[in-house]
Amino acid sequence: MPRGTYLHVEDEVEERFQCAPGPGGWRYVGERSDGRRTDVVVDARWRQIRVEVLAGDWWVRGGVTGHRLAWVRGARQADTGGEAAEHDARAYGFLGESPGFLVAVARSLRLAEGEQADVALVRLAGPALSALTVAQRWRLAEVTAYETDTEPLPVARYEIADLATGETDEIHIAGDVVVAAPGIELTDLDSPPHLGDLGP
């Protein structure tokens, strides 16, 4: 069960995380030093079936239902934002500030090396968890095996393009841990990534 710490470089915020496979899928829990909490549960096909994000005065709960993504967004204090509101969109899953979302999306696509896929995702941004649907192209550029004390560790390099702006980012994932991503550093890992049945 990998446990470790990510650093959100721009805000100098640490996110302590743990993740583990389960009988029906995988779960990621991350708690940041600024109070934001992310809980992502996926099924055996890596679909985000239950997601909860708490940030500041706001919370979001939702998941995939068929070909749509449904969620409820509300205020943590009744006097700060009124009643919770329901939303839905034709989208593949959520994106957020937590690296756990990158793992969930990458594994759900099940890309072979050199393959790519276009997906619509709902990004939860900022302290108010504002939802914005974005279109992205994910490409598994390469998988490189790095020698370790026990066994080779495959690291997948993904190229992610924003289809609206053309901007491209690059992320590196080993098993169910993000090794590197824009604005994210893996600063501590208590146990190795889980590599079994997690796709490329």
C-alpha atoms as a PDB file:
ATOM      1  CA  MET A   1       0.000   0.000   0.000  1.00  0.00           C
ATOM      2  CA  PRO A   2       1.926   3.063  -1.210  1.00  0.00           C
ATOM      3  CA  ARG A   3       2.113   5.983   1.184  1.00  0.00           C
ATOM      4  CA  GLY A   4       4.029   9.168   0.616  1.00  0.00           C
ATOM      5  CA  THR A   5       4.050  12.914   0.170  1.00  0.00           C
ATOM      6  CA  TYR A   6       3.570  15.125  -2.862  1.00  0.00           C
ATOM      7  CA  LEU A   7       4.645  18.759  -2.870  1.00  0.00           C
ATOM      8  CA  HIS A   8       2.461  21.272  -4.724  1.00  0.00           C
ATOM      9  CA  VAL A   9       5.375  23.477  -5.712  1.00  0.00           C
ATOM     10  CA  GLU A  10       3.632  26.767  -6.511  1.00  0.00           C
ATOM     11  CA  ASP A  11       1.732  26.939  -3.220  1.00  0.00           C
ATOM     12  CA  GLU A  12       4.385  25.076  -1.187  1.00  0.00           C
ATOM     13  CA  VAL A  13       1.639  22.786   0.106  1.00  0.00           C
ATOM     14  CA  GLU A  14       2.282  19.160   1.032  1.00  0.00           C
ATOM     15  CA  GLU A  15      -0.209  16.386   0.267  1.00  0.00           C
ATOM     16  CA  ARG A  16       0.171  13.268   2.358  1.00  0.00           C
ATOM     17  CA  PHE A  17      -1.386  10.335   0.510  1.00  0.00           C
ATOM     18  CA  GLN A  18      -2.071   6.638   0.630  1.00  0.00           C
ATOM     19  CA  CYS A  19      -3.541   4.385  -2.011  1.00  0.00           C
ATOM     20  CA  ALA A  20      -4.330   0.720  -2.302  1.00  0.00           C
ATOM     21  CA  PRO A  21      -5.999  -1.817  -4.586  1.00  0.00           C
ATOM     22  CA  GLY A  22      -9.202  -3.345  -3.337  1.00  0.00           C
ATOM     23  CA  PRO A  23     -11.415  -6.284  -4.296  1.00  0.00           C
ATOM     24  CA  GLY A  24     -13.359  -4.101  -6.721  1.00  0.00           C
ATOM     25  CA  GLY A  25     -10.846  -1.470  -7.789  1.00  0.00           C
ATOM     26  CA  TRP A  26      -8.522   1.107  -6.212  1.00  0.00           C
ATOM     27  CA  ARG A  27      -8.735   3.925  -3.662  1.00  0.00           C
ATOM     28  CA  TYR A  28      -6.697   7.090  -3.177  1.00  0.00           C
ATOM     29  CA  VAL A  29      -6.876   9.357  -0.125  1.00  0.00           C
ATOM     30  CA  GLY A  30      -4.873  12.580   0.065  1.00  0.00           C
ATOM     31  CA  GLU A  31      -4.798  15.213   2.817  1.00  0.00           C
ATOM     32  CA  ARG A  32      -3.029  18.508   2.255  1.00  0.00           C
ATOM     33  CA  SER A  33      -1.398  20.793   4.775  1.00  0.00           C
ATOM     34  CA  ASP A  34      -3.898  23.526   3.843  1.00  0.00           C
ATOM     35  CA  GLY A  35      -6.856  21.311   4.766  1.00  0.00           C
ATOM     36  CA  ARG A  36      -7.947  20.129   1.314  1.00  0.00           C
ATOM     37  CA  ARG A  37      -8.924  16.460   1.263  1.00  0.00           C
ATOM     38  CA  THR A  38      -9.372  14.193  -1.761  1.00  0.00           C
ATOM     39  CA  ASP A  39     -10.919  10.719  -1.743  1.00  0.00           C
ATOM     40  CA  VAL A  40     -11.147   8.844  -5.061  1.00  0.00           C
ATOM     41  CA  VAL A  41     -12.610   5.348  -5.445  1.00  0.00           C
ATOM     42  CA  VAL A  42     -12.521   3.532  -8.793  1.00  0.00           C
ATOM     43  CA  ASP A  43     -14.030   0.258  -9.916  1.00  0.00           C
ATOM     44  CA  ALA A  44     -12.321  -2.644 -11.699  1.00  0.00           C
ATOM     45  CA  ARG A  45     -12.393  -0.655 -14.967  1.00  0.00           C
ATOM     46  CA  TRP A  46     -10.859   2.392 -13.221  1.00  0.00           C
ATOM     47  CA  ARG A  47     -14.052   4.421 -13.584  1.00  0.00           C
ATOM     48  CA  GLN A  48     -14.348   7.062 -10.869  1.00  0.00           C
ATOM     49  CA  ILE A  49     -17.415   5.719  -9.087  1.00  0.00           C
ATOM     50  CA  ARG A  50     -17.087   7.783  -5.888  1.00  0.00           C
ATOM     51  CA  VAL A  51     -15.184  11.040  -5.530  1.00  0.00           C
ATOM     52  CA  GLU A  52     -15.207  13.473  -2.635  1.00  0.00           C
ATOM     53  CA  VAL A  53     -13.191  16.685  -2.422  1.00  0.00           C
ATOM     54  CA  LEU A  54     -13.275  19.075   0.542  1.00  0.00           C
ATOM     55  CA  ALA A  55     -11.618  22.471   0.177  1.00  0.00           C
ATOM     56  CA  GLY A  56     -12.074  25.553   2.328  1.00  0.00           C
ATOM     57  CA  ASP A  57     -15.792  26.305   2.565  1.00  0.00           C
ATOM     58  CA  TRP A  58     -16.815  23.920  -0.228  1.00  0.00           C
ATOM     59  CA  TRP A  59     -17.308  20.232  -0.960  1.00  0.00           C
ATOM     60  CA  VAL A  60     -17.981  18.160  -4.068  1.00  0.00           C
ATOM     61  CA  ARG A  61     -19.248  14.574  -4.187  1.00  0.00           C
ATOM     62  CA  GLY A  62     -19.879  12.643  -7.366  1.00  0.00           C
ATOM     63  CA  GLY A  63     -18.964   9.881  -9.765  1.00  0.00           C
ATOM     64  CA  VAL A  64     -19.534   8.248 -13.117  1.00  0.00           C
ATOM     65  CA  THR A  65     -23.044   7.068 -13.941  1.00  0.00           C
ATOM     66  CA  GLY A  66     -23.185   5.378 -17.331  1.00  0.00           C
ATOM     67  CA  HIS A  67     -21.750   7.768 -19.920  1.00  0.00           C
ATOM     68  CA  ARG A  68     -22.164  10.816 -17.702  1.00  0.00           C
ATOM     69  CA  LEU A  69     -20.489  12.320 -14.691  1.00  0.00           C
ATOM     70  CA  ALA A  70     -22.797  13.510 -11.911  1.00  0.00           C
ATOM     71  CA  TRP A  71     -21.865  15.558  -8.861  1.00  0.00           C
ATOM     72  CA  VAL A  72     -23.210  17.693  -6.051  1.00  0.00           C
ATOM     73  CA  ARG A  73     -21.410  20.861  -4.929  1.00  0.00           C
ATOM     74  CA  GLY A  74     -22.245  22.594  -1.703  1.00  0.00           C
ATOM     75  CA  ALA A  75     -21.006  24.825   1.076  1.00  0.00           C
ATOM     76  CA  ARG A  76     -19.585  23.269   4.236  1.00  0.00           C
ATOM     77  CA  GLN A  77     -21.282  25.984   6.284  1.00  0.00           C
ATOM     78  CA  ALA A  78     -24.951  26.597   5.581  1.00  0.00           C
ATOM     79  CA  ASP A  79     -24.547  30.372   5.750  1.00  0.00           C
ATOM     80  CA  THR A  80     -21.760  30.642   3.143  1.00  0.00           C
ATOM     81  CA  GLY A  81     -23.281  29.438  -0.098  1.00  0.00           C
ATOM     82  CA  GLY A  82     -26.842  28.268   0.136  1.00  0.00           C
ATOM     83  CA  GLU A  83     -28.090  24.787  -0.667  1.00  0.00           C
ATOM     84  CA  ALA A  84     -26.110  22.103  -2.465  1.00  0.00           C
ATOM     85  CA  ALA A  85     -26.622  22.025  -6.227  1.00  0.00           C
ATOM     86  CA  GLU A  86     -26.667  18.981  -8.514  1.00  0.00           C
ATOM     87  CA  HIS A  87     -24.752  18.957 -11.805  1.00  0.00           C
ATOM     88  CA  ASP A  88     -23.913  16.520 -14.566  1.00  0.00           C
ATOM     89  CA  ALA A  89     -21.945  16.459 -17.803  1.00  0.00           C
ATOM     90  CA  ARG A  90     -21.020  14.019 -20.525  1.00  0.00           C
ATOM     91  CA  ALA A  91     -17.502  13.419 -19.238  1.00  0.00           C
ATOM     92  CA  TYR A  92     -15.066  10.605 -18.574  1.00  0.00           C
ATOM     93  CA  GLY A  93     -14.144  11.577 -15.023  1.00  0.00           C
ATOM     94  CA  PHE A  94     -12.826  14.317 -12.755  1.00  0.00           C
ATOM     95  CA  LEU A  95      -9.534  16.153 -12.747  1.00  0.00           C
ATOM     96  CA  GLY A  96      -8.358  18.047  -9.694  1.00  0.00           C
ATOM     97  CA  GLU A  97      -5.310  19.438  -7.988  1.00  0.00           C
ATOM     98  CA  SER A  98      -4.496  16.050  -6.436  1.00  0.00           C
ATOM     99  CA  PRO A  99      -2.186  13.710  -8.402  1.00  0.00           C
ATOM    100  CA  GLY A 100      -4.584  10.885  -7.570  1.00  0.00           C
ATOM    101  CA  PHE A 101      -6.819  12.032 -10.429  1.00  0.00           C
ATOM    102  CA  LEU A 102      -3.941  11.683 -12.918  1.00  0.00           C
ATOM    103  CA  VAL A 103      -3.437   8.053 -11.904  1.00  0.00           C
ATOM    104  CA  ALA A 104      -7.160   7.286 -12.167  1.00  0.00           C
ATOM    105  CA  VAL A 105      -7.510   8.798 -15.647  1.00  0.00           C
ATOM    106  CA  ALA A 106      -4.286   7.275 -16.989  1.00  0.00           C
ATOM    107  CA  ARG A 107      -5.146   3.767 -15.809  1.00  0.00           C
ATOM    108  CA  SER A 108      -8.739   3.950 -17.031  1.00  0.00           C
ATOM    109  CA  LEU A 109      -7.601   4.685 -20.583  1.00  0.00           C
ATOM    110  CA  ARG A 110      -5.558   1.452 -20.743  1.00  0.00           C
ATOM    111  CA  LEU A 111      -3.370   2.808 -23.517  1.00  0.00           C
ATOM    112  CA  ALA A 112      -0.646   0.752 -25.121  1.00  0.00           C
ATOM    113  CA  GLU A 113       2.675   2.450 -25.784  1.00  0.00           C
ATOM    114  CA  GLY A 114       2.227   4.931 -28.636  1.00  0.00           C
ATOM    115  CA  GLU A 115      -1.588   4.986 -28.394  1.00  0.00           C
ATOM    116  CA  GLN A 116      -3.689   8.057 -27.618  1.00  0.00           C
ATOM    117  CA  ALA A 117      -7.268   8.906 -26.675  1.00  0.00           C
ATOM    118  CA  ASP A 118      -9.386  12.063 -26.537  1.00  0.00           C
ATOM    119  CA  VAL A 119     -11.455  12.537 -23.391  1.00  0.00           C
ATOM    120  CA  ALA A 120     -13.704  15.139 -21.797  1.00  0.00           C
ATOM    121  CA  LEU A 121     -12.978  15.670 -18.089  1.00  0.00           C
ATOM    122  CA  VAL A 122     -14.462  17.902 -15.405  1.00  0.00           C
ATOM    123  CA  ARG A 123     -11.749  19.907 -13.670  1.00  0.00           C
ATOM    124  CA  LEU A 124     -12.374  20.984 -10.058  1.00  0.00           C
ATOM    125  CA  ALA A 125     -10.364  24.164  -9.600  1.00  0.00           C
ATOM    126  CA  GLY A 126      -9.470  26.605  -6.873  1.00  0.00           C
ATOM    127  CA  PRO A 127     -10.685  26.928  -3.293  1.00  0.00           C
ATOM    128  CA  ALA A 128     -14.317  27.077  -4.472  1.00  0.00           C
ATOM    129  CA  LEU A 129     -14.003  23.793  -6.431  1.00  0.00           C
ATOM    130  CA  SER A 130     -15.400  25.416  -9.561  1.00  0.00           C
ATOM    131  CA  ALA A 131     -16.219  22.817 -12.233  1.00  0.00           C
ATOM    132  CA  LEU A 132     -15.041  23.287 -15.832  1.00  0.00           C
ATOM    133  CA  THR A 133     -15.291  20.684 -18.598  1.00  0.00           C
ATOM    134  CA  VAL A 134     -12.053  20.372 -20.569  1.00  0.00           C
ATOM    135  CA  ALA A 135     -11.171  18.294 -23.626  1.00  0.00           C
ATOM    136  CA  GLN A 136      -7.786  16.594 -23.551  1.00  0.00           C
ATOM    137  CA  ARG A 137      -5.746  14.163 -25.639  1.00  0.00           C
ATOM    138  CA  TRP A 138      -3.780  11.636 -23.585  1.00  0.00           C
ATOM    139  CA  ARG A 139      -0.897   9.801 -25.262  1.00  0.00           C
ATOM    140  CA  LEU A 140       1.255   7.109 -23.682  1.00  0.00           C
ATOM    141  CA  ALA A 141       4.560   8.208 -25.186  1.00  0.00           C
ATOM    142  CA  GLU A 142       6.800   5.524 -23.703  1.00  0.00           C
ATOM    143  CA  VAL A 143       7.368   3.115 -20.835  1.00  0.00           C
ATOM    144  CA  THR A 144      10.876   2.925 -19.401  1.00  0.00           C
ATOM    145  CA  ALA A 145      12.054   0.291 -16.918  1.00  0.00           C
ATOM    146  CA  TYR A 146      14.351   1.526 -14.129  1.00  0.00           C
ATOM    147  CA  GLU A 147      16.458  -0.898 -12.110  1.00  0.00           C
ATOM    148  CA  THR A 148      15.733  -1.105  -8.368  1.00  0.00           C
ATOM    149  CA  ASP A 149      16.985  -3.320  -5.530  1.00  0.00           C
ATOM    150  CA  THR A 150      14.139  -5.762  -6.049  1.00  0.00           C
ATOM    151  CA  GLU A 151      12.774  -5.640  -9.609  1.00  0.00           C
ATOM    152  CA  PRO A 152      12.651  -3.280 -12.602  1.00  0.00           C
ATOM    153  CA  LEU A 153      10.223  -0.387 -12.076  1.00  0.00           C
ATOM    154  CA  PRO A 154       8.280   0.580 -15.227  1.00  0.00           C
ATOM    155  CA  VAL A 155       7.605   4.323 -15.491  1.00  0.00           C
ATOM    156  CA  ALA A 156       5.032   5.482 -18.044  1.00  0.00           C
ATOM    157  CA  ARG A 157       5.430   8.896 -19.665  1.00  0.00           C
ATOM    158  CA  TYR A 158       2.175  10.479 -20.792  1.00  0.00           C
ATOM    159  CA  GLU A 159       1.778  13.548 -22.987  1.00  0.00           C
ATOM    160  CA  ILE A 160      -1.439  15.464 -22.267  1.00  0.00           C
ATOM    161  CA  ALA A 161      -2.658  18.086 -24.739  1.00  0.00           C
ATOM    162  CA  ASP A 162      -5.420  20.603 -24.089  1.00  0.00           C
ATOM    163  CA  LEU A 163      -7.503  20.416 -27.263  1.00  0.00           C
ATOM    164  CA  ALA A 164      -8.803  23.976 -26.828  1.00  0.00           C
ATOM    165  CA  THR A 165      -5.464  25.736 -26.326  1.00  0.00           C
ATOM    166  CA  GLY A 166      -2.939  23.297 -27.785  1.00  0.00           C
ATOM    167  CA  GLU A 167      -0.867  23.420 -24.596  1.00  0.00           C
ATOM    168  CA  THR A 168       0.921  20.165 -23.755  1.00  0.00           C
ATOM    169  CA  ASP A 169       2.047  18.797 -20.398  1.00  0.00           C
ATOM    170  CA  GLU A 170       3.965  15.679 -19.492  1.00  0.00           C
ATOM    171  CA  ILE A 171       3.509  13.366 -16.525  1.00  0.00           C
ATOM    172  CA  HIS A 172       5.367  10.274 -15.326  1.00  0.00           C
ATOM    173  CA  ILE A 173       3.538   7.481 -13.482  1.00  0.00           C
ATOM    174  CA  ALA A 174       4.952   4.347 -11.853  1.00  0.00           C
ATOM    175  CA  GLY A 175       2.220   1.898 -10.920  1.00  0.00           C
ATOM    176  CA  ASP A 176      -0.246   3.973  -8.909  1.00  0.00           C
ATOM    177  CA  VAL A 177       2.150   6.782  -7.980  1.00  0.00           C
ATOM    178  CA  VAL A 178       2.854  10.007  -9.903  1.00  0.00           C
ATOM    179  CA  VAL A 179       6.633  10.315 -10.094  1.00  0.00           C
ATOM    180  CA  ALA A 180       6.593  13.759 -11.724  1.00  0.00           C
ATOM    181  CA  ALA A 181       4.012  16.192 -13.124  1.00  0.00           C
ATOM    182  CA  PRO A 182       3.819  19.955 -13.735  1.00  0.00           C
ATOM    183  CA  GLY A 183       3.866  21.678 -10.358  1.00  0.00           C
ATOM    184  CA  ILE A 184       4.068  18.353  -8.491  1.00  0.00           C
ATOM    185  CA  GLU A 185       7.072  16.711  -6.837  1.00  0.00           C
ATOM    186  CA  LEU A 186       7.102  13.326  -5.141  1.00  0.00           C
ATOM    187  CA  THR A 187       9.127  14.134  -2.031  1.00  0.00           C
ATOM    188  CA  ASP A 188       8.618  10.990   0.031  1.00  0.00           C
ATOM    189  CA  LEU A 189       7.494   7.416  -0.597  1.00  0.00           C
ATOM    190  CA  ASP A 190       7.234   5.015   2.326  1.00  0.00           C
ATOM    191  CA  SER A 191       6.587   1.935   0.210  1.00  0.00           C
ATOM    192  CA  PRO A 192       6.939   1.122  -3.497  1.00  0.00           C
ATOM    193  CA  PRO A 193       4.152   1.714  -6.025  1.00  0.00           C
ATOM    194  CA  HIS A 194       1.663  -1.083  -6.586  1.00  0.00           C
ATOM    195  CA  LEU A 195       2.242  -2.502 -10.050  1.00  0.00           C
ATOM    196  CA  GLY A 196      -0.161  -5.431 -10.235  1.00  0.00           C
ATOM    197  CA  ASP A 197      -3.098  -5.291 -12.664  1.00  0.00           C
ATOM    198  CA  LEU A 198      -2.794  -1.551 -13.119  1.00  0.00           C
ATOM    199  CA  GLY A 199      -2.452  -1.487 -16.876  1.00  0.00           C
ATOM    200  CA  PRO A 200       0.536  -0.130 -18.825  1.00  0.00           C
END
